[in-house]
């Protein structure tokens, strides 16, 4: 196999998952039409993905899904304390600066 084949095979999953641009899809399909070994690999992966999609239709119980959603919502608080010293004409002055950052992240 060539380096081009390696690049195409690395992107097969992205193609199957719809994560590439139309230009990339066209480029990959052009390669697949000209390269039977890569086409075979693509067809195996596409069939496997379709089989998993058909067979794995179970859903997690509602309570479990709710617990997972709740755990994905996290609050992170970061406190940074910095000592600042500034020289002035009258002498040296010091200050402590405290910054608190609160980040709420919700995924899903």
PDB file of N, CA and C in Angstrom:
ATOM      1  N   UNK A   1       0.832  -1.184   0.000  1.00  0.00           N
ATOM      2  CA  UNK A   1       0.000   0.000   0.000  1.00  0.00           C
ATOM      3  C   UNK A   1       0.878   1.248   0.000  1.00  0.00           C
ATOM      4  N   UNK A   2       0.351   2.289  -0.557  1.00  0.00           N
ATOM      5  CA  UNK A   2       1.096   3.539  -0.678  1.00  0.00           C
ATOM      6  C   UNK A   2       0.797   4.467   0.493  1.00  0.00           C
ATOM      7  N   UNK A   3       1.531   5.558   0.542  1.00  0.00           N
ATOM      8  CA  UNK A   3       1.275   6.586   1.557  1.00  0.00           C
ATOM      9  C   UNK A   3      -0.113   7.188   1.343  1.00  0.00           C
ATOM     10  N   UNK A   4      -0.526   7.285   0.093  1.00  0.00           N
ATOM     11  CA  UNK A   4      -1.871   7.803  -0.202  1.00  0.00           C
ATOM     12  C   UNK A   4      -2.931   6.869   0.385  1.00  0.00           C
ATOM     13  N   UNK A   5      -2.711   5.555   0.245  1.00  0.00           N
ATOM     14  CA  UNK A   5      -3.642   4.574   0.815  1.00  0.00           C
ATOM     15  C   UNK A   5      -3.710   4.734   2.331  1.00  0.00           C
ATOM     16  N   UNK A   6      -2.555   4.900   2.958  1.00  0.00           N
ATOM     17  CA  UNK A   6      -2.524   5.080   4.412  1.00  0.00           C
ATOM     18  C   UNK A   6      -3.359   6.288   4.825  1.00  0.00           C
ATOM     19  N   UNK A   7      -3.217   7.379   4.087  1.00  0.00           N
ATOM     20  CA  UNK A   7      -3.976   8.595   4.399  1.00  0.00           C
ATOM     21  C   UNK A   7      -5.470   8.397   4.223  1.00  0.00           C
ATOM     22  N   UNK A   8      -5.852   7.688   3.182  1.00  0.00           N
ATOM     23  CA  UNK A   8      -7.273   7.421   2.932  1.00  0.00           C
ATOM     24  C   UNK A   8      -7.823   6.518   4.030  1.00  0.00           C
ATOM     25  N   UNK A   9      -7.093   5.468   4.364  1.00  0.00           N
ATOM     26  CA  UNK A   9      -7.570   4.530   5.380  1.00  0.00           C
ATOM     27  C   UNK A   9      -7.679   5.188   6.754  1.00  0.00           C
ATOM     28  N   UNK A  10      -6.826   6.154   7.037  1.00  0.00           N
ATOM     29  CA  UNK A  10      -6.906   6.880   8.305  1.00  0.00           C
ATOM     30  C   UNK A  10      -8.181   7.722   8.382  1.00  0.00           C
ATOM     31  N   UNK A  11      -8.690   8.151   7.229  1.00  0.00           N
ATOM     32  CA  UNK A  11      -9.871   9.032   7.215  1.00  0.00           C
ATOM     33  C   UNK A  11     -11.182   8.308   6.958  1.00  0.00           C
ATOM     34  N   UNK A  12     -11.134   6.980   6.824  1.00  0.00           N
ATOM     35  CA  UNK A  12     -12.358   6.228   6.527  1.00  0.00           C
ATOM     36  C   UNK A  12     -13.419   6.451   7.599  1.00  0.00           C
ATOM     37  N   UNK A  13     -13.029   6.385   8.866  1.00  0.00           N
ATOM     38  CA  UNK A  13     -14.017   6.542   9.933  1.00  0.00           C
ATOM     39  C   UNK A  13     -14.624   7.949   9.920  1.00  0.00           C
ATOM     40  N   UNK A  14     -13.812   8.935   9.636  1.00  0.00           N
ATOM     41  CA  UNK A  14     -14.325  10.301   9.556  1.00  0.00           C
ATOM     42  C   UNK A  14     -15.330  10.428   8.413  1.00  0.00           C
ATOM     43  N   UNK A  15     -15.060   9.748   7.308  1.00  0.00           N
ATOM     44  CA  UNK A  15     -15.997   9.764   6.177  1.00  0.00           C
ATOM     45  C   UNK A  15     -17.300   9.076   6.575  1.00  0.00           C
ATOM     46  N   UNK A  16     -17.184   7.912   7.196  1.00  0.00           N
ATOM     47  CA  UNK A  16     -18.374   7.158   7.588  1.00  0.00           C
ATOM     48  C   UNK A  16     -19.202   7.891   8.638  1.00  0.00           C
ATOM     49  N   UNK A  17     -18.538   8.701   9.444  1.00  0.00           N
ATOM     50  CA  UNK A  17     -19.238   9.453  10.487  1.00  0.00           C
ATOM     51  C   UNK A  17     -19.695  10.827  10.009  1.00  0.00           C
ATOM     52  N   UNK A  18     -19.425  11.164   8.743  1.00  0.00           N
ATOM     53  CA  UNK A  18     -19.848  12.450   8.193  1.00  0.00           C
ATOM     54  C   UNK A  18     -19.078  13.620   8.757  1.00  0.00           C
ATOM     55  N   UNK A  19     -17.808  13.409   9.077  1.00  0.00           N
ATOM     56  CA  UNK A  19     -16.998  14.443   9.720  1.00  0.00           C
ATOM     57  C   UNK A  19     -15.999  15.101   8.785  1.00  0.00           C
ATOM     58  N   UNK A  20     -16.160  14.925   7.492  1.00  0.00           N
ATOM     59  CA  UNK A  20     -15.233  15.533   6.540  1.00  0.00           C
ATOM     60  C   UNK A  20     -16.020  16.378   5.537  1.00  0.00           C
ATOM     61  N   UNK A  21     -15.325  17.256   4.878  1.00  0.00           N
ATOM     62  CA  UNK A  21     -15.961  18.155   3.910  1.00  0.00           C
ATOM     63  C   UNK A  21     -16.329  17.397   2.635  1.00  0.00           C
ATOM     64  N   UNK A  22     -17.154  18.018   1.840  1.00  0.00           N
ATOM     65  CA  UNK A  22     -17.562  17.426   0.564  1.00  0.00           C
ATOM     66  C   UNK A  22     -16.360  17.218  -0.349  1.00  0.00           C
ATOM     67  N   UNK A  23     -15.400  18.150  -0.309  1.00  0.00           N
ATOM     68  CA  UNK A  23     -14.198  18.015  -1.135  1.00  0.00           C
ATOM     69  C   UNK A  23     -13.379  16.794  -0.713  1.00  0.00           C
ATOM     70  N   UNK A  24     -13.259  16.591   0.600  1.00  0.00           N
ATOM     71  CA  UNK A  24     -12.504  15.428   1.092  1.00  0.00           C
ATOM     72  C   UNK A  24     -13.209  14.128   0.723  1.00  0.00           C
ATOM     73  N   UNK A  25     -14.527  14.124   0.818  1.00  0.00           N
ATOM     74  CA  UNK A  25     -15.284  12.922   0.446  1.00  0.00           C
ATOM     75  C   UNK A  25     -15.047  12.603  -1.023  1.00  0.00           C
ATOM     76  N   UNK A  26     -15.104  13.606  -1.871  1.00  0.00           N
ATOM     77  CA  UNK A  26     -14.885  13.395  -3.310  1.00  0.00           C
ATOM     78  C   UNK A  26     -13.478  12.857  -3.563  1.00  0.00           C
ATOM     79  N   UNK A  27     -12.505  13.405  -2.861  1.00  0.00           N
ATOM     80  CA  UNK A  27     -11.112  12.960  -3.015  1.00  0.00           C
ATOM     81  C   UNK A  27     -10.955  11.501  -2.580  1.00  0.00           C
ATOM     82  N   UNK A  28     -11.561  11.160  -1.465  1.00  0.00           N
ATOM     83  CA  UNK A  28     -11.446   9.791  -0.944  1.00  0.00           C
ATOM     84  C   UNK A  28     -12.188   8.817  -1.860  1.00  0.00           C
ATOM     85  N   UNK A  29     -13.371   9.185  -2.304  1.00  0.00           N
ATOM     86  CA  UNK A  29     -14.118   8.295  -3.199  1.00  0.00           C
ATOM     87  C   UNK A  29     -13.397   8.107  -4.527  1.00  0.00           C
ATOM     88  N   UNK A  30     -12.727   9.123  -5.011  1.00  0.00           N
ATOM     89  CA  UNK A  30     -11.940   8.975  -6.246  1.00  0.00           C
ATOM     90  C   UNK A  30     -10.829   7.956  -6.032  1.00  0.00           C
ATOM     91  N   UNK A  31     -10.192   8.013  -4.866  1.00  0.00           N
ATOM     92  CA  UNK A  31      -9.137   7.046  -4.569  1.00  0.00           C
ATOM     93  C   UNK A  31      -9.731   5.637  -4.460  1.00  0.00           C
ATOM     94  N   UNK A  32     -10.878   5.527  -3.782  1.00  0.00           N
ATOM     95  CA  UNK A  32     -11.491   4.212  -3.594  1.00  0.00           C
ATOM     96  C   UNK A  32     -11.875   3.573  -4.927  1.00  0.00           C
ATOM     97  N   UNK A  33     -12.330   4.375  -5.876  1.00  0.00           N
ATOM     98  CA  UNK A  33     -12.695   3.850  -7.198  1.00  0.00           C
ATOM     99  C   UNK A  33     -11.483   3.298  -7.941  1.00  0.00           C
ATOM    100  N   UNK A  34     -10.314   3.853  -7.666  1.00  0.00           N
ATOM    101  CA  UNK A  34      -9.100   3.435  -8.372  1.00  0.00           C
ATOM    102  C   UNK A  34      -8.280   2.420  -7.587  1.00  0.00           C
ATOM    103  N   UNK A  35      -8.677   2.118  -6.345  1.00  0.00           N
ATOM    104  CA  UNK A  35      -7.846   1.256  -5.485  1.00  0.00           C
ATOM    105  C   UNK A  35      -8.716   0.175  -4.837  1.00  0.00           C
ATOM    106  N   UNK A  36      -8.806  -0.996  -5.456  1.00  0.00           N
ATOM    107  CA  UNK A  36      -9.647  -2.069  -4.911  1.00  0.00           C
ATOM    108  C   UNK A  36      -9.325  -2.470  -3.463  1.00  0.00           C
ATOM    109  N   UNK A  37      -8.067  -2.532  -3.026  1.00  0.00           N
ATOM    110  CA  UNK A  37      -7.820  -2.903  -1.623  1.00  0.00           C
ATOM    111  C   UNK A  37      -8.405  -1.884  -0.631  1.00  0.00           C
ATOM    112  N   UNK A  38      -8.296  -0.608  -0.946  1.00  0.00           N
ATOM    113  CA  UNK A  38      -8.865   0.425  -0.073  1.00  0.00           C
ATOM    114  C   UNK A  38     -10.388   0.376  -0.117  1.00  0.00           C
ATOM    115  N   UNK A  39     -10.947   0.115  -1.295  1.00  0.00           N
ATOM    116  CA  UNK A  39     -12.388   0.009  -1.425  1.00  0.00           C
ATOM    117  C   UNK A  39     -12.908  -1.158  -0.590  1.00  0.00           C
ATOM    118  N   UNK A  40     -12.190  -2.282  -0.624  1.00  0.00           N
ATOM    119  CA  UNK A  40     -12.589  -3.434   0.195  1.00  0.00           C
ATOM    120  C   UNK A  40     -12.606  -3.065   1.676  1.00  0.00           C
ATOM    121  N   UNK A  41     -11.574  -2.378   2.122  1.00  0.00           N
ATOM    122  CA  UNK A  41     -11.485  -1.973   3.536  1.00  0.00           C
ATOM    123  C   UNK A  41     -12.620  -1.015   3.886  1.00  0.00           C
ATOM    124  N   UNK A  42     -12.895  -0.086   3.009  1.00  0.00           N
ATOM    125  CA  UNK A  42     -13.985   0.862   3.223  1.00  0.00           C
ATOM    126  C   UNK A  42     -15.323   0.126   3.334  1.00  0.00           C
ATOM    127  N   UNK A  43     -15.556  -0.822   2.430  1.00  0.00           N
ATOM    128  CA  UNK A  43     -16.820  -1.558   2.441  1.00  0.00           C
ATOM    129  C   UNK A  43     -16.981  -2.392   3.706  1.00  0.00           C
ATOM    130  N   UNK A  44     -15.898  -2.985   4.199  1.00  0.00           N
ATOM    131  CA  UNK A  44     -15.953  -3.752   5.448  1.00  0.00           C
ATOM    132  C   UNK A  44     -16.319  -2.828   6.602  1.00  0.00           C
ATOM    133  N   UNK A  45     -15.669  -1.679   6.686  1.00  0.00           N
ATOM    134  CA  UNK A  45     -15.936  -0.736   7.779  1.00  0.00           C
ATOM    135  C   UNK A  45     -17.358  -0.167   7.687  1.00  0.00           C
ATOM    136  N   UNK A  46     -17.825   0.100   6.479  1.00  0.00           N
ATOM    137  CA  UNK A  46     -19.187   0.617   6.302  1.00  0.00           C
ATOM    138  C   UNK A  46     -20.211  -0.438   6.717  1.00  0.00           C
ATOM    139  N   UNK A  47     -19.958  -1.694   6.345  1.00  0.00           N
ATOM    140  CA  UNK A  47     -20.874  -2.775   6.721  1.00  0.00           C
ATOM    141  C   UNK A  47     -20.874  -2.978   8.231  1.00  0.00           C
ATOM    142  N   UNK A  48     -19.708  -2.921   8.851  1.00  0.00           N
ATOM    143  CA  UNK A  48     -19.608  -3.078  10.303  1.00  0.00           C
ATOM    144  C   UNK A  48     -20.360  -1.955  11.013  1.00  0.00           C
ATOM    145  N   UNK A  49     -20.179  -0.739  10.551  1.00  0.00           N
ATOM    146  CA  UNK A  49     -20.878   0.401  11.154  1.00  0.00           C
ATOM    147  C   UNK A  49     -22.392   0.240  11.013  1.00  0.00           C
ATOM    148  N   UNK A  50     -22.858  -0.203   9.866  1.00  0.00           N
ATOM    149  CA  UNK A  50     -24.291  -0.416   9.649  1.00  0.00           C
ATOM    150  C   UNK A  50     -24.816  -1.528  10.552  1.00  0.00           C
ATOM    151  N   UNK A  51     -24.046  -2.588  10.717  1.00  0.00           N
ATOM    152  CA  UNK A  51     -24.446  -3.691  11.587  1.00  0.00           C
ATOM    153  C   UNK A  51     -24.562  -3.237  13.032  1.00  0.00           C
ATOM    154  N   UNK A  52     -23.588  -2.478  13.507  1.00  0.00           N
ATOM    155  CA  UNK A  52     -23.628  -1.967  14.874  1.00  0.00           C
ATOM    156  C   UNK A  52     -24.831  -1.051  15.052  1.00  0.00           C
ATOM    157  N   UNK A  53     -25.094  -0.207  14.087  1.00  0.00           N
ATOM    158  CA  UNK A  53     -26.233   0.715  14.160  1.00  0.00           C
ATOM    159  C   UNK A  53     -27.547  -0.057  14.261  1.00  0.00           C
ATOM    160  N   UNK A  54     -27.671  -1.142  13.500  1.00  0.00           N
ATOM    161  CA  UNK A  54     -28.908  -1.939  13.534  1.00  0.00           C
ATOM    162  C   UNK A  54     -29.046  -2.730  14.828  1.00  0.00           C
ATOM    163  N   UNK A  55     -27.952  -3.255  15.331  1.00  0.00           N
ATOM    164  CA  UNK A  55     -28.004  -4.150  16.490  1.00  0.00           C
ATOM    165  C   UNK A  55     -27.992  -3.426  17.828  1.00  0.00           C
ATOM    166  N   UNK A  56     -27.508  -2.246  17.881  1.00  0.00           N
ATOM    167  CA  UNK A  56     -27.336  -1.530  19.148  1.00  0.00           C
ATOM    168  C   UNK A  56     -28.366  -0.418  19.268  1.00  0.00           C
ATOM    169  N   UNK A  57     -29.607  -0.803  19.401  1.00  0.00           N
ATOM    170  CA  UNK A  57     -30.660   0.195  19.484  1.00  0.00           C
ATOM    171  C   UNK A  57     -31.169   0.387  20.912  1.00  0.00           C
ATOM    172  N   UNK A  58     -30.584  -0.342  21.864  1.00  0.00           N
ATOM    173  CA  UNK A  58     -31.003  -0.195  23.254  1.00  0.00           C
ATOM    174  C   UNK A  58     -30.610   1.176  23.775  1.00  0.00           C
ATOM    175  N   UNK A  59     -31.448   1.703  24.658  1.00  0.00           N
ATOM    176  CA  UNK A  59     -31.147   2.977  25.295  1.00  0.00           C
ATOM    177  C   UNK A  59     -30.921   2.739  26.776  1.00  0.00           C
ATOM    178  N   UNK A  60     -30.101   3.563  27.348  1.00  0.00           N
ATOM    179  CA  UNK A  60     -29.878   3.496  28.789  1.00  0.00           C
ATOM    180  C   UNK A  60     -31.159   3.903  29.504  1.00  0.00           C
ATOM    181  N   UNK A  61     -31.391   3.367  30.722  1.00  0.00           N
ATOM    182  CA  UNK A  61     -32.573   3.775  31.484  1.00  0.00           C
ATOM    183  C   UNK A  61     -32.582   5.283  31.722  1.00  0.00           C
ATOM    184  N   UNK A  62     -33.767   5.846  31.842  1.00  0.00           N
ATOM    185  CA  UNK A  62     -33.940   7.290  32.001  1.00  0.00           C
ATOM    186  C   UNK A  62     -33.136   7.812  33.191  1.00  0.00           C
ATOM    187  N   UNK A  63     -33.178   7.118  34.320  1.00  0.00           N
ATOM    188  CA  UNK A  63     -32.449   7.584  35.507  1.00  0.00           C
ATOM    189  C   UNK A  63     -30.951   7.652  35.255  1.00  0.00           C
ATOM    190  N   UNK A  64     -30.408   6.666  34.559  1.00  0.00           N
ATOM    191  CA  UNK A  64     -28.985   6.674  34.249  1.00  0.00           C
ATOM    192  C   UNK A  64     -28.641   7.842  33.333  1.00  0.00           C
ATOM    193  N   UNK A  65     -29.466   8.077  32.308  1.00  0.00           N
ATOM    194  CA  UNK A  65     -29.208   9.202  31.397  1.00  0.00           C
ATOM    195  C   UNK A  65     -29.239  10.524  32.152  1.00  0.00           C
ATOM    196  N   UNK A  66     -30.185  10.670  33.083  1.00  0.00           N
ATOM    197  CA  UNK A  66     -30.266  11.905  33.866  1.00  0.00           C
ATOM    198  C   UNK A  66     -29.049  12.083  34.763  1.00  0.00           C
ATOM    199  N   UNK A  67     -28.572  11.001  35.377  1.00  0.00           N
ATOM    200  CA  UNK A  67     -27.371  11.089  36.220  1.00  0.00           C
ATOM    201  C   UNK A  67     -26.148  11.474  35.393  1.00  0.00           C
ATOM    202  N   UNK A  68     -26.060  10.925  34.201  1.00  0.00           N
ATOM    203  CA  UNK A  68     -24.926  11.246  33.325  1.00  0.00           C
ATOM    204  C   UNK A  68     -24.979  12.711  32.919  1.00  0.00           C
ATOM    205  N   UNK A  69     -26.163  13.197  32.521  1.00  0.00           N
ATOM    206  CA  UNK A  69     -26.295  14.613  32.152  1.00  0.00           C
ATOM    207  C   UNK A  69     -25.921  15.517  33.319  1.00  0.00           C
ATOM    208  N   UNK A  70     -26.365  15.152  34.526  1.00  0.00           N
ATOM    209  CA  UNK A  70     -26.059  15.965  35.706  1.00  0.00           C
ATOM    210  C   UNK A  70     -24.559  15.966  35.983  1.00  0.00           C
ATOM    211  N   UNK A  71     -23.901  14.831  35.764  1.00  0.00           N
ATOM    212  CA  UNK A  71     -22.464  14.786  36.034  1.00  0.00           C
ATOM    213  C   UNK A  71     -21.663  15.536  34.979  1.00  0.00           C
ATOM    214  N   UNK A  72     -22.233  15.707  33.793  1.00  0.00           N
ATOM    215  CA  UNK A  72     -21.540  16.458  32.747  1.00  0.00           C
ATOM    216  C   UNK A  72     -21.558  17.954  33.008  1.00  0.00           C
ATOM    217  N   UNK A  73     -22.511  18.405  33.791  1.00  0.00           N
ATOM    218  CA  UNK A  73     -22.574  19.821  34.156  1.00  0.00           C
ATOM    219  C   UNK A  73     -21.659  19.990  35.359  1.00  0.00           C
ATOM    220  N   UNK A  74     -20.509  20.553  35.145  1.00  0.00           N
ATOM    221  CA  UNK A  74     -19.542  20.717  36.231  1.00  0.00           C
ATOM    222  C   UNK A  74     -19.255  22.192  36.434  1.00  0.00           C
ATOM    223  N   UNK A  75     -18.967  22.530  37.672  1.00  0.00           N
ATOM    224  CA  UNK A  75     -18.576  23.893  38.008  1.00  0.00           C
ATOM    225  C   UNK A  75     -17.155  23.824  38.531  1.00  0.00           C
ATOM    226  N   UNK A  76     -16.298  24.587  37.924  1.00  0.00           N
ATOM    227  CA  UNK A  76     -14.912  24.638  38.335  1.00  0.00           C
ATOM    228  C   UNK A  76     -14.609  26.047  38.816  1.00  0.00           C
ATOM    229  N   UNK A  77     -14.085  26.166  40.017  1.00  0.00           N
ATOM    230  CA  UNK A  77     -13.709  27.472  40.550  1.00  0.00           C
ATOM    231  C   UNK A  77     -12.205  27.478  40.755  1.00  0.00           C
ATOM    232  N   UNK A  78     -11.553  28.462  40.183  1.00  0.00           N
ATOM    233  CA  UNK A  78     -10.113  28.607  40.305  1.00  0.00           C
ATOM    234  C   UNK A  78      -9.817  29.941  40.960  1.00  0.00           C
ATOM    235  N   UNK A  79      -9.018  29.905  42.012  1.00  0.00           N
ATOM    236  CA  UNK A  79      -8.620  31.140  42.679  1.00  0.00           C
ATOM    237  C   UNK A  79      -7.123  31.317  42.478  1.00  0.00           C
ATOM    238  N   UNK A  80      -6.745  32.462  41.966  1.00  0.00           N
ATOM    239  CA  UNK A  80      -5.342  32.772  41.732  1.00  0.00           C
ATOM    240  C   UNK A  80      -4.976  33.974  42.591  1.00  0.00           C
ATOM    241  N   UNK A  81      -3.945  33.806  43.409  1.00  0.00           N
ATOM    242  CA  UNK A  81      -3.476  34.911  44.238  1.00  0.00           C
ATOM    243  C   UNK A  81      -2.107  35.312  43.740  1.00  0.00           C
ATOM    244  N   UNK A  82      -1.935  36.595  43.474  1.00  0.00           N
ATOM    245  CA  UNK A  82      -0.679  37.108  42.947  1.00  0.00           C
ATOM    246  C   UNK A  82      -0.214  38.264  43.812  1.00  0.00           C
ATOM    247  N   UNK A  83       1.029  38.199  44.215  1.00  0.00           N
ATOM    248  CA  UNK A  83       1.603  39.324  44.958  1.00  0.00           C
ATOM    249  C   UNK A  83       2.216  40.277  43.941  1.00  0.00           C
ATOM    250  N   UNK A  84       1.852  41.535  44.057  1.00  0.00           N
ATOM    251  CA  UNK A  84       2.337  42.543  43.130  1.00  0.00           C
ATOM    252  C   UNK A  84       3.124  43.574  43.930  1.00  0.00           C
ATOM    253  N   UNK A  85       4.324  43.837  43.495  1.00  0.00           N
ATOM    254  CA  UNK A  85       5.147  44.854  44.145  1.00  0.00           C
ATOM    255  C   UNK A  85       5.463  45.930  43.117  1.00  0.00           C
ATOM    256  N   UNK A  86       5.222  47.172  43.488  1.00  0.00           N
ATOM    257  CA  UNK A  86       5.476  48.277  42.573  1.00  0.00           C
ATOM    258  C   UNK A  86       6.362  49.299  43.264  1.00  0.00           C
ATOM    259  N   UNK A  87       7.364  49.757  42.569  1.00  0.00           N
ATOM    260  CA  UNK A  87       8.241  50.798  43.112  1.00  0.00           C
ATOM    261  C   UNK A  87       7.636  52.143  42.768  1.00  0.00           C
ATOM    262  N   UNK A  88       7.514  52.973  43.741  1.00  0.00           N
ATOM    263  CA  UNK A  88       7.009  54.319  43.517  1.00  0.00           C
ATOM    264  C   UNK A  88       8.064  55.302  43.992  1.00  0.00           C
ATOM    265  N   UNK A  89       7.822  56.597  43.748  1.00  0.00           N
ATOM    266  CA  UNK A  89       8.774  57.628  44.177  1.00  0.00           C
ATOM    267  C   UNK A  89       8.894  57.654  45.690  1.00  0.00           C
ATOM    268  N   UNK A  90       7.812  57.290  46.399  1.00  0.00           N
ATOM    269  CA  UNK A  90       7.819  57.349  47.861  1.00  0.00           C
ATOM    270  C   UNK A  90       8.370  56.063  48.479  1.00  0.00           C
ATOM    271  N   UNK A  91       8.506  55.048  47.731  1.00  0.00           N
ATOM    272  CA  UNK A  91       8.984  53.780  48.299  1.00  0.00           C
ATOM    273  C   UNK A  91       8.392  52.603  47.547  1.00  0.00           C
ATOM    274  N   UNK A  92       8.395  51.446  48.173  1.00  0.00           N
ATOM    275  CA  UNK A  92       7.895  50.223  47.562  1.00  0.00           C
ATOM    276  C   UNK A  92       6.537  49.907  48.160  1.00  0.00           C
ATOM    277  N   UNK A  93       5.589  49.677  47.304  1.00  0.00           N
ATOM    278  CA  UNK A  93       4.247  49.321  47.749  1.00  0.00           C
ATOM    279  C   UNK A  93       3.943  47.907  47.293  1.00  0.00           C
ATOM    280  N   UNK A  94       3.229  47.180  48.103  1.00  0.00           N
ATOM    281  CA  UNK A  94       2.851  45.806  47.762  1.00  0.00           C
ATOM    282  C   UNK A  94       1.350  45.676  47.800  1.00  0.00           C
ATOM    283  N   UNK A  95       0.857  44.805  46.983  1.00  0.00           N
ATOM    284  CA  UNK A  95      -0.569  44.521  46.967  1.00  0.00           C
ATOM    285  C   UNK A  95      -0.748  43.050  46.644  1.00  0.00           C
ATOM    286  N   UNK A  96      -1.809  42.513  47.119  1.00  0.00           N
ATOM    287  CA  UNK A  96      -2.150  41.133  46.784  1.00  0.00           C
ATOM    288  C   UNK A  96      -3.426  41.188  45.953  1.00  0.00           C
ATOM    289  N   UNK A  97      -3.351  40.579  44.804  1.00  0.00           N
ATOM    290  CA  UNK A  97      -4.487  40.560  43.892  1.00  0.00           C
ATOM    291  C   UNK A  97      -5.010  39.134  43.853  1.00  0.00           C
ATOM    292  N   UNK A  98      -6.291  39.003  44.103  1.00  0.00           N
ATOM    293  CA  UNK A  98      -6.923  37.678  44.053  1.00  0.00           C
ATOM    294  C   UNK A  98      -7.974  37.700  42.963  1.00  0.00           C
ATOM    295  N   UNK A  99      -7.891  36.716  42.095  1.00  0.00           N
ATOM    296  CA  UNK A  99      -8.857  36.613  41.005  1.00  0.00           C
ATOM    297  C   UNK A  99      -9.522  35.248  41.096  1.00  0.00           C
ATOM    298  N   UNK A 100     -10.831  35.246  41.090  1.00  0.00           N
ATOM    299  CA  UNK A 100     -11.585  33.998  41.122  1.00  0.00           C
ATOM    300  C   UNK A 100     -12.299  33.842  39.796  1.00  0.00           C
ATOM    301  N   UNK A 101     -12.099  32.710  39.181  1.00  0.00           N
ATOM    302  CA  UNK A 101     -12.719  32.416  37.893  1.00  0.00           C
ATOM    303  C   UNK A 101     -13.644  31.226  38.086  1.00  0.00           C
ATOM    304  N   UNK A 102     -14.861  31.376  37.666  1.00  0.00           N
ATOM    305  CA  UNK A 102     -15.826  30.289  37.760  1.00  0.00           C
ATOM    306  C   UNK A 102     -16.228  29.897  36.359  1.00  0.00           C
ATOM    307  N   UNK A 103     -16.047  28.638  36.049  1.00  0.00           N
ATOM    308  CA  UNK A 103     -16.377  28.125  34.728  1.00  0.00           C
ATOM    309  C   UNK A 103     -17.430  27.033  34.882  1.00  0.00           C
ATOM    310  N   UNK A 104     -18.534  27.197  34.215  1.00  0.00           N
ATOM    311  CA  UNK A 104     -19.566  26.166  34.193  1.00  0.00           C
ATOM    312  C   UNK A 104     -19.545  25.543  32.828  1.00  0.00           C
ATOM    313  N   UNK A 105     -19.411  24.245  32.804  1.00  0.00           N
ATOM    314  CA  UNK A 105     -19.295  23.536  31.531  1.00  0.00           C
ATOM    315  C   UNK A 105     -20.417  22.521  31.458  1.00  0.00           C
ATOM    316  N   UNK A 106     -21.144  22.560  30.377  1.00  0.00           N
ATOM    317  CA  UNK A 106     -22.212  21.595  30.157  1.00  0.00           C
ATOM    318  C   UNK A 106     -21.991  20.988  28.788  1.00  0.00           C
ATOM    319  N   UNK A 107     -21.800  19.691  28.754  1.00  0.00           N
ATOM    320  CA  UNK A 107     -21.605  19.009  27.493  1.00  0.00           C
ATOM    321  C   UNK A 107     -22.808  18.125  27.236  1.00  0.00           C
ATOM    322  N   UNK A 108     -23.011  17.870  25.968  1.00  0.00           N
ATOM    323  CA  UNK A 108     -24.064  16.919  25.613  1.00  0.00           C
ATOM    324  C   UNK A 108     -25.283  17.596  25.343  1.00  0.00           C
TER     325      UNK A 108
END
